[in-house]
Amino acid sequence: TEEHTGVVAYAYAEFDSPESQSADFRIGCINANKL
């Protein structure tokens, strides 16, 4: 489908960290978003 309007979607990923650590999670998004 070329376009969607009035919708939300989810994206899921797993991240294998070599150690316990603080990090920045930096988003670029032209739409409403949550992380």
PDB file of all heavy atoms in Angstrom:
ATOM      1  N   THR A   1       0.855  -1.180   0.000  1.00  0.00           N
ATOM      2  CA  THR A   1       0.000   0.000   0.000  1.00  0.00           C
ATOM      3  C   THR A   1       0.894   1.234   0.000  1.00  0.00           C
ATOM      4  O   THR A   1       1.907   1.288   0.683  1.00  0.00           O
ATOM      5  CB  THR A   1      -0.934   0.024   1.220  1.00  0.00           C
ATOM      6  OG1 THR A   1      -1.732   1.202   1.178  1.00  0.00           O
ATOM      7  CG2 THR A   1      -0.173   0.009   2.533  1.00  0.00           C
ATOM      8  N   GLU A   2       0.548   2.225  -0.765  1.00  0.00           N
ATOM      9  CA  GLU A   2       1.397   3.405  -0.909  1.00  0.00           C
ATOM     10  C   GLU A   2       1.268   4.356   0.270  1.00  0.00           C
ATOM     11  O   GLU A   2       2.222   5.019   0.653  1.00  0.00           O
ATOM     12  CB  GLU A   2       1.035   4.135  -2.208  1.00  0.00           C
ATOM     13  CG  GLU A   2       1.348   3.343  -3.465  1.00  0.00           C
ATOM     14  CD  GLU A   2       2.826   3.023  -3.603  1.00  0.00           C
ATOM     15  OE1 GLU A   2       3.644   3.862  -3.194  1.00  0.00           O
ATOM     16  OE2 GLU A   2       3.149   1.940  -4.091  1.00  0.00           O
ATOM     17  N   GLU A   3       0.071   4.476   0.820  1.00  0.00           N
ATOM     18  CA  GLU A   3      -0.149   5.457   1.874  1.00  0.00           C
ATOM     19  C   GLU A   3      -0.995   4.852   2.985  1.00  0.00           C
ATOM     20  O   GLU A   3      -1.829   3.971   2.754  1.00  0.00           O
ATOM     21  CB  GLU A   3      -0.872   6.686   1.318  1.00  0.00           C
ATOM     22  CG  GLU A   3      -0.110   7.419   0.237  1.00  0.00           C
ATOM     23  CD  GLU A   3      -0.936   8.530  -0.379  1.00  0.00           C
ATOM     24  OE1 GLU A   3      -2.134   8.639  -0.059  1.00  0.00           O
ATOM     25  OE2 GLU A   3      -0.385   9.267  -1.182  1.00  0.00           O
ATOM     26  N   HIS A   4      -0.785   5.348   4.179  1.00  0.00           N
ATOM     27  CA  HIS A   4      -1.647   5.037   5.306  1.00  0.00           C
ATOM     28  C   HIS A   4      -1.946   6.351   6.008  1.00  0.00           C
ATOM     29  O   HIS A   4      -1.046   7.176   6.199  1.00  0.00           O
ATOM     30  CB  HIS A   4      -0.969   4.080   6.293  1.00  0.00           C
ATOM     31  CG  HIS A   4      -0.704   2.711   5.758  1.00  0.00           C
ATOM     32  ND1 HIS A   4       0.444   2.384   5.067  1.00  0.00           N
ATOM     33  CD2 HIS A   4      -1.431   1.564   5.831  1.00  0.00           C
ATOM     34  CE1 HIS A   4       0.408   1.112   4.735  1.00  0.00           C
ATOM     35  NE2 HIS A   4      -0.718   0.589   5.189  1.00  0.00           N
ATOM     36  N   THR A   5      -3.162   6.536   6.422  1.00  0.00           N
ATOM     37  CA  THR A   5      -3.517   7.722   7.216  1.00  0.00           C
ATOM     38  C   THR A   5      -4.322   7.273   8.423  1.00  0.00           C
ATOM     39  O   THR A   5      -5.047   6.272   8.381  1.00  0.00           O
ATOM     40  CB  THR A   5      -4.348   8.724   6.396  1.00  0.00           C
ATOM     41  OG1 THR A   5      -5.544   8.089   5.920  1.00  0.00           O
ATOM     42  CG2 THR A   5      -3.559   9.245   5.205  1.00  0.00           C
ATOM     43  N   GLY A   6      -4.205   8.033   9.514  1.00  0.00           N
ATOM     44  CA  GLY A   6      -4.933   7.715  10.732  1.00  0.00           C
ATOM     45  C   GLY A   6      -4.560   6.354  11.288  1.00  0.00           C
ATOM     46  O   GLY A   6      -5.436   5.564  11.660  1.00  0.00           O
ATOM     47  N   VAL A   7      -3.246   6.090  11.396  1.00  0.00           N
ATOM     48  CA  VAL A   7      -2.789   4.769  11.812  1.00  0.00           C
ATOM     49  C   VAL A   7      -1.589   4.895  12.749  1.00  0.00           C
ATOM     50  O   VAL A   7      -0.912   5.915  12.793  1.00  0.00           O
ATOM     51  CB  VAL A   7      -2.383   3.901  10.596  1.00  0.00           C
ATOM     52  CG1 VAL A   7      -3.608   3.481   9.801  1.00  0.00           C
ATOM     53  CG2 VAL A   7      -1.400   4.654   9.703  1.00  0.00           C
ATOM     54  N   VAL A   8      -1.323   3.826  13.500  1.00  0.00           N
ATOM     55  CA  VAL A   8      -0.067   3.680  14.231  1.00  0.00           C
ATOM     56  C   VAL A   8       0.516   2.306  13.904  1.00  0.00           C
ATOM     57  O   VAL A   8      -0.215   1.384  13.509  1.00  0.00           O
ATOM     58  CB  VAL A   8      -0.234   3.819  15.765  1.00  0.00           C
ATOM     59  CG1 VAL A   8      -0.698   5.210  16.140  1.00  0.00           C
ATOM     60  CG2 VAL A   8      -1.166   2.756  16.317  1.00  0.00           C
ATOM     61  N   ALA A   9       1.813   2.195  14.045  1.00  0.00           N
ATOM     62  CA  ALA A   9       2.496   0.923  13.832  1.00  0.00           C
ATOM     63  C   ALA A   9       3.568   0.764  14.891  1.00  0.00           C
ATOM     64  O   ALA A   9       3.948   1.720  15.578  1.00  0.00           O
ATOM     65  CB  ALA A   9       3.113   0.882  12.442  1.00  0.00           C
ATOM     66  N   TYR A  10       4.051  -0.456  15.029  1.00  0.00           N
ATOM     67  CA  TYR A  10       5.107  -0.765  15.983  1.00  0.00           C
ATOM     68  C   TYR A  10       6.298  -1.375  15.251  1.00  0.00           C
ATOM     69  O   TYR A  10       6.125  -2.142  14.283  1.00  0.00           O
ATOM     70  CB  TYR A  10       4.606  -1.746  17.044  1.00  0.00           C
ATOM     71  CG  TYR A  10       3.551  -1.180  17.949  1.00  0.00           C
ATOM     72  CD1 TYR A  10       2.194  -1.298  17.636  1.00  0.00           C
ATOM     73  CD2 TYR A  10       3.892  -0.520  19.130  1.00  0.00           C
ATOM     74  CE1 TYR A  10       1.221  -0.776  18.468  1.00  0.00           C
ATOM     75  CE2 TYR A  10       2.928  -0.003  19.965  1.00  0.00           C
ATOM     76  CZ  TYR A  10       1.588  -0.120  19.628  1.00  0.00           C
ATOM     77  OH  TYR A  10       0.618   0.402  20.460  1.00  0.00           O
ATOM     78  N   ALA A  11       7.481  -1.035  15.740  1.00  0.00           N
ATOM     79  CA  ALA A  11       8.712  -1.647  15.260  1.00  0.00           C
ATOM     80  C   ALA A  11       9.464  -2.191  16.468  1.00  0.00           C
ATOM     81  O   ALA A  11       9.583  -1.509  17.495  1.00  0.00           O
ATOM     82  CB  ALA A  11       9.571  -0.637  14.510  1.00  0.00           C
ATOM     83  N   TYR A  12       9.978  -3.410  16.337  1.00  0.00           N
ATOM     84  CA  TYR A  12      10.610  -4.098  17.464  1.00  0.00           C
ATOM     85  C   TYR A  12      11.990  -4.586  17.048  1.00  0.00           C
ATOM     86  O   TYR A  12      12.190  -5.097  15.932  1.00  0.00           O
ATOM     87  CB  TYR A  12       9.752  -5.285  17.888  1.00  0.00           C
ATOM     88  CG  TYR A  12      10.389  -6.204  18.900  1.00  0.00           C
ATOM     89  CD1 TYR A  12      10.392  -5.888  20.253  1.00  0.00           C
ATOM     90  CD2 TYR A  12      10.980  -7.404  18.496  1.00  0.00           C
ATOM     91  CE1 TYR A  12      10.975  -6.741  21.188  1.00  0.00           C
ATOM     92  CE2 TYR A  12      11.563  -8.264  19.422  1.00  0.00           C
ATOM     93  CZ  TYR A  12      11.554  -7.923  20.770  1.00  0.00           C
ATOM     94  OH  TYR A  12      12.132  -8.768  21.679  1.00  0.00           O
ATOM     95  N   ALA A  13      12.972  -4.390  17.934  1.00  0.00           N
ATOM     96  CA  ALA A  13      14.314  -4.900  17.690  1.00  0.00           C
ATOM     97  C   ALA A  13      14.913  -5.372  19.009  1.00  0.00           C
ATOM     98  O   ALA A  13      14.530  -4.901  20.088  1.00  0.00           O
ATOM     99  CB  ALA A  13      15.199  -3.826  17.058  1.00  0.00           C
ATOM    100  N   GLU A  14      15.862  -6.275  18.915  1.00  0.00           N
ATOM    101  CA  GLU A  14      16.592  -6.727  20.082  1.00  0.00           C
ATOM    102  C   GLU A  14      18.034  -6.249  19.985  1.00  0.00           C
ATOM    103  O   GLU A  14      18.608  -6.166  18.885  1.00  0.00           O
ATOM    104  CB  GLU A  14      16.526  -8.249  20.206  1.00  0.00           C
ATOM    105  CG  GLU A  14      15.101  -8.735  20.452  1.00  0.00           C
ATOM    106  CD  GLU A  14      15.006 -10.237  20.681  1.00  0.00           C
ATOM    107  OE1 GLU A  14      16.044 -10.934  20.534  1.00  0.00           O
ATOM    108  OE2 GLU A  14      13.900 -10.710  20.999  1.00  0.00           O
ATOM    109  N   PHE A  15      18.607  -5.915  21.129  1.00  0.00           N
ATOM    110  CA  PHE A  15      19.942  -5.325  21.181  1.00  0.00           C
ATOM    111  C   PHE A  15      20.766  -6.100  22.204  1.00  0.00           C
ATOM    112  O   PHE A  15      20.422  -6.152  23.385  1.00  0.00           O
ATOM    113  CB  PHE A  15      19.838  -3.850  21.575  1.00  0.00           C
ATOM    114  CG  PHE A  15      21.104  -3.068  21.396  1.00  0.00           C
ATOM    115  CD1 PHE A  15      21.289  -2.259  20.288  1.00  0.00           C
ATOM    116  CD2 PHE A  15      22.122  -3.139  22.348  1.00  0.00           C
ATOM    117  CE1 PHE A  15      22.463  -1.539  20.114  1.00  0.00           C
ATOM    118  CE2 PHE A  15      23.295  -2.427  22.192  1.00  0.00           C
ATOM    119  CZ  PHE A  15      23.474  -1.616  21.069  1.00  0.00           C
ATOM    120  N   ASP A  16      21.850  -6.705  21.744  1.00  0.00           N
ATOM    121  CA  ASP A  16      22.708  -7.521  22.610  1.00  0.00           C
ATOM    122  C   ASP A  16      23.885  -6.669  23.081  1.00  0.00           C
ATOM    123  O   ASP A  16      24.836  -6.427  22.340  1.00  0.00           O
ATOM    124  CB  ASP A  16      23.199  -8.740  21.831  1.00  0.00           C
ATOM    125  CG  ASP A  16      23.991  -9.715  22.699  1.00  0.00           C
ATOM    126  OD1 ASP A  16      24.135  -9.437  23.913  1.00  0.00           O
ATOM    127  OD2 ASP A  16      24.481 -10.721  22.167  1.00  0.00           O
ATOM    128  N   SER A  17      23.797  -6.198  24.301  1.00  0.00           N
ATOM    129  CA  SER A  17      24.835  -5.322  24.843  1.00  0.00           C
ATOM    130  C   SER A  17      25.941  -6.143  25.504  1.00  0.00           C
ATOM    131  O   SER A  17      25.661  -7.040  26.290  1.00  0.00           O
ATOM    132  CB  SER A  17      24.236  -4.351  25.862  1.00  0.00           C
ATOM    133  OG  SER A  17      25.233  -3.516  26.415  1.00  0.00           O
ATOM    134  N   PRO A  18      27.213  -5.827  25.214  1.00  0.00           N
ATOM    135  CA  PRO A  18      28.310  -6.587  25.818  1.00  0.00           C
ATOM    136  C   PRO A  18      28.478  -6.328  27.309  1.00  0.00           C
ATOM    137  O   PRO A  18      29.152  -7.092  27.998  1.00  0.00           O
ATOM    138  CB  PRO A  18      29.541  -6.105  25.041  1.00  0.00           C
ATOM    139  CG  PRO A  18      29.168  -4.743  24.562  1.00  0.00           C
ATOM    140  CD  PRO A  18      27.697  -4.812  24.271  1.00  0.00           C
ATOM    141  N   GLU A  19      27.858  -5.258  27.793  1.00  0.00           N
ATOM    142  CA  GLU A  19      27.978  -4.908  29.211  1.00  0.00           C
ATOM    143  C   GLU A  19      26.800  -4.033  29.617  1.00  0.00           C
ATOM    144  O   GLU A  19      26.068  -3.508  28.781  1.00  0.00           O
ATOM    145  CB  GLU A  19      29.281  -4.152  29.467  1.00  0.00           C
ATOM    146  CG  GLU A  19      29.391  -2.861  28.670  1.00  0.00           C
ATOM    147  CD  GLU A  19      30.730  -2.184  28.859  1.00  0.00           C
ATOM    148  OE1 GLU A  19      31.521  -2.647  29.686  1.00  0.00           O
ATOM    149  OE2 GLU A  19      30.973  -1.176  28.176  1.00  0.00           O
ATOM    150  N   SER A  20      26.621  -3.876  30.904  1.00  0.00           N
ATOM    151  CA  SER A  20      25.639  -2.924  31.413  1.00  0.00           C
ATOM    152  C   SER A  20      26.193  -1.520  31.185  1.00  0.00           C
ATOM    153  O   SER A  20      27.313  -1.219  31.614  1.00  0.00           O
ATOM    154  CB  SER A  20      25.393  -3.173  32.897  1.00  0.00           C
ATOM    155  OG  SER A  20      24.518  -2.209  33.428  1.00  0.00           O
ATOM    156  N   GLN A  21      25.419  -0.673  30.535  1.00  0.00           N
ATOM    157  CA  GLN A  21      25.933   0.649  30.189  1.00  0.00           C
ATOM    158  C   GLN A  21      24.791   1.612  29.890  1.00  0.00           C
ATOM    159  O   GLN A  21      23.731   1.223  29.400  1.00  0.00           O
ATOM    160  CB  GLN A  21      26.854   0.570  28.974  1.00  0.00           C
ATOM    161  CG  GLN A  21      26.202  -0.025  27.727  1.00  0.00           C
ATOM    162  CD  GLN A  21      27.167  -0.177  26.572  1.00  0.00           C
ATOM    163  OE1 GLN A  21      27.967   0.707  26.298  1.00  0.00           O
ATOM    164  NE2 GLN A  21      27.101  -1.314  25.874  1.00  0.00           N
ATOM    165  N   SER A  22      25.023   2.873  30.186  1.00  0.00           N
ATOM    166  CA  SER A  22      24.089   3.924  29.804  1.00  0.00           C
ATOM    167  C   SER A  22      24.316   4.284  28.340  1.00  0.00           C
ATOM    168  O   SER A  22      25.434   4.173  27.827  1.00  0.00           O
ATOM    169  CB  SER A  22      24.276   5.162  30.681  1.00  0.00           C
ATOM    170  OG  SER A  22      23.959   4.873  32.032  1.00  0.00           O
ATOM    171  N   ALA A  23      23.271   4.700  27.672  1.00  0.00           N
ATOM    172  CA  ALA A  23      23.388   5.051  26.256  1.00  0.00           C
ATOM    173  C   ALA A  23      22.317   6.069  25.895  1.00  0.00           C
ATOM    174  O   ALA A  23      21.289   6.198  26.569  1.00  0.00           O
ATOM    175  CB  ALA A  23      23.259   3.810  25.373  1.00  0.00           C
ATOM    176  N   ASP A  24      22.589   6.791  24.823  1.00  0.00           N
ATOM    177  CA  ASP A  24      21.591   7.664  24.212  1.00  0.00           C
ATOM    178  C   ASP A  24      20.806   6.858  23.193  1.00  0.00           C
ATOM    179  O   ASP A  24      21.384   6.060  22.434  1.00  0.00           O
ATOM    180  CB  ASP A  24      22.248   8.844  23.497  1.00  0.00           C
ATOM    181  CG  ASP A  24      22.655   9.968  24.434  1.00  0.00           C
ATOM    182  OD1 ASP A  24      22.473   9.826  25.655  1.00  0.00           O
ATOM    183  OD2 ASP A  24      23.160  11.000  23.932  1.00  0.00           O
ATOM    184  N   PHE A  25      19.499   7.103  23.139  1.00  0.00           N
ATOM    185  CA  PHE A  25      18.633   6.520  22.125  1.00  0.00           C
ATOM    186  C   PHE A  25      18.051   7.706  21.356  1.00  0.00           C
ATOM    187  O   PHE A  25      17.191   8.424  21.866  1.00  0.00           O
ATOM    188  CB  PHE A  25      17.558   5.652  22.769  1.00  0.00           C
ATOM    189  CG  PHE A  25      18.143   4.479  23.511  1.00  0.00           C
ATOM    190  CD1 PHE A  25      18.627   4.633  24.804  1.00  0.00           C
ATOM    191  CD2 PHE A  25      18.245   3.240  22.912  1.00  0.00           C
ATOM    192  CE1 PHE A  25      19.204   3.575  25.491  1.00  0.00           C
ATOM    193  CE2 PHE A  25      18.812   2.170  23.591  1.00  0.00           C
ATOM    194  CZ  PHE A  25      19.294   2.337  24.882  1.00  0.00           C
ATOM    195  N   ARG A  26      18.563   7.921  20.164  1.00  0.00           N
ATOM    196  CA  ARG A  26      18.280   9.143  19.422  1.00  0.00           C
ATOM    197  C   ARG A  26      17.392   8.841  18.225  1.00  0.00           C
ATOM    198  O   ARG A  26      17.745   8.058  17.350  1.00  0.00           O
ATOM    199  CB  ARG A  26      19.580   9.803  18.982  1.00  0.00           C
ATOM    200  CG  ARG A  26      20.518  10.115  20.158  1.00  0.00           C
ATOM    201  CD  ARG A  26      21.727  10.909  19.706  1.00  0.00           C
ATOM    202  NE  ARG A  26      22.628  11.198  20.818  1.00  0.00           N
ATOM    203  CZ  ARG A  26      23.708  11.975  20.727  1.00  0.00           C
ATOM    204  NH1 ARG A  26      24.013  12.538  19.569  1.00  0.00           N
ATOM    205  NH2 ARG A  26      24.483  12.178  21.784  1.00  0.00           N
ATOM    206  N   ILE A  27      16.236   9.485  18.215  1.00  0.00           N
ATOM    207  CA  ILE A  27      15.214   9.231  17.199  1.00  0.00           C
ATOM    208  C   ILE A  27      15.110  10.425  16.260  1.00  0.00           C
ATOM    209  O   ILE A  27      15.145  11.580  16.681  1.00  0.00           O
ATOM    210  CB  ILE A  27      13.842   8.995  17.853  1.00  0.00           C
ATOM    211  CG1 ILE A  27      13.882   7.784  18.781  1.00  0.00           C
ATOM    212  CG2 ILE A  27      12.755   8.809  16.797  1.00  0.00           C
ATOM    213  CD1 ILE A  27      12.590   7.586  19.557  1.00  0.00           C
ATOM    214  N   GLY A  28      14.944  10.124  14.983  1.00  0.00           N
ATOM    215  CA  GLY A  28      14.476  11.098  14.012  1.00  0.00           C
ATOM    216  C   GLY A  28      13.130  10.614  13.512  1.00  0.00           C
ATOM    217  O   GLY A  28      13.002   9.447  13.114  1.00  0.00           O
ATOM    218  N   CYS A  29      12.108  11.451  13.559  1.00  0.00           N
ATOM    219  CA  CYS A  29      10.763  10.983  13.176  1.00  0.00           C
ATOM    220  C   CYS A  29       9.900  12.177  12.806  1.00  0.00           C
ATOM    221  O   CYS A  29       9.818  13.150  13.564  1.00  0.00           O
ATOM    222  CB  CYS A  29      10.129  10.197  14.323  1.00  0.00           C
ATOM    223  SG  CYS A  29       8.561   9.397  13.876  1.00  0.00           S
ATOM    224  N   ILE A  30       9.243  12.088  11.673  1.00  0.00           N
ATOM    225  CA  ILE A  30       8.367  13.166  11.220  1.00  0.00           C
ATOM    226  C   ILE A  30       6.944  12.976  11.746  1.00  0.00           C
ATOM    227  O   ILE A  30       6.068  13.788  11.500  1.00  0.00           O
ATOM    228  CB  ILE A  30       8.381  13.247   9.686  1.00  0.00           C
ATOM    229  CG1 ILE A  30       7.841  14.600   9.205  1.00  0.00           C
ATOM    230  CG2 ILE A  30       7.629  12.081   9.061  1.00  0.00           C
ATOM    231  CD1 ILE A  30       8.091  14.892   7.758  1.00  0.00           C
ATOM    232  N   ASN A  31       6.731  11.907  12.489  1.00  0.00           N
ATOM    233  CA  ASN A  31       5.407  11.577  13.023  1.00  0.00           C
ATOM    234  C   ASN A  31       5.452  11.485  14.541  1.00  0.00           C
ATOM    235  O   ASN A  31       6.512  11.566  15.152  1.00  0.00           O
ATOM    236  CB  ASN A  31       4.936  10.233  12.454  1.00  0.00           C
ATOM    237  CG  ASN A  31       5.099  10.132  10.955  1.00  0.00           C
ATOM    238  OD1 ASN A  31       6.050   9.535  10.479  1.00  0.00           O
ATOM    239  ND2 ASN A  31       4.187  10.726  10.206  1.00  0.00           N
ATOM    240  N   ALA A  32       4.286  11.298  15.150  1.00  0.00           N
ATOM    241  CA  ALA A  32       4.220  11.060  16.590  1.00  0.00           C
ATOM    242  C   ALA A  32       4.936   9.752  16.911  1.00  0.00           C
ATOM    243  O   ALA A  32       4.875   8.789  16.143  1.00  0.00           O
ATOM    244  CB  ALA A  32       2.766  10.994  17.044  1.00  0.00           C
ATOM    245  N   ASN A  33       5.624   9.707  18.049  1.00  0.00           N
ATOM    246  CA  ASN A  33       6.414   8.525  18.334  1.00  0.00           C
ATOM    247  C   ASN A  33       6.566   8.286  19.830  1.00  0.00           C
ATOM    248  O   ASN A  33       6.503   9.220  20.639  1.00  0.00           O
ATOM    249  CB  ASN A  33       7.796   8.639  17.690  1.00  0.00           C
ATOM    250  CG  ASN A  33       8.562   9.858  18.179  1.00  0.00           C
ATOM    251  OD1 ASN A  33       9.237   9.817  19.213  1.00  0.00           O
ATOM    252  ND2 ASN A  33       8.469  10.971  17.449  1.00  0.00           N
ATOM    253  N   LYS A  34       6.762   7.030  20.185  1.00  0.00           N
ATOM    254  CA  LYS A  34       7.114   6.605  21.534  1.00  0.00           C
ATOM    255  C   LYS A  34       8.217   5.559  21.432  1.00  0.00           C
ATOM    256  O   LYS A  34       8.293   4.819  20.442  1.00  0.00           O
ATOM    257  CB  LYS A  34       5.903   6.000  22.270  1.00  0.00           C
ATOM    258  CG  LYS A  34       4.806   6.985  22.631  1.00  0.00           C
ATOM    259  CD  LYS A  34       3.693   6.303  23.426  1.00  0.00           C
ATOM    260  CE  LYS A  34       2.616   7.299  23.855  1.00  0.00           C
ATOM    261  NZ  LYS A  34       1.539   6.631  24.662  1.00  0.00           N
ATOM    262  N   LEU A  35       9.043   5.488  22.474  1.00  0.00           N
ATOM    263  CA  LEU A  35      10.122   4.509  22.509  1.00  0.00           C
ATOM    264  C   LEU A  35      10.191   3.865  23.880  1.00  0.00           C
ATOM    265  O   LEU A  35      10.219   4.559  24.901  1.00  0.00           O
ATOM    266  CB  LEU A  35      11.465   5.180  22.196  1.00  0.00           C
ATOM    267  CG  LEU A  35      12.723   4.344  22.478  1.00  0.00           C
ATOM    268  CD1 LEU A  35      12.787   3.123  21.557  1.00  0.00           C
ATOM    269  CD2 LEU A  35      13.982   5.194  22.320  1.00  0.00           C
TER     270      LEU A  35
END
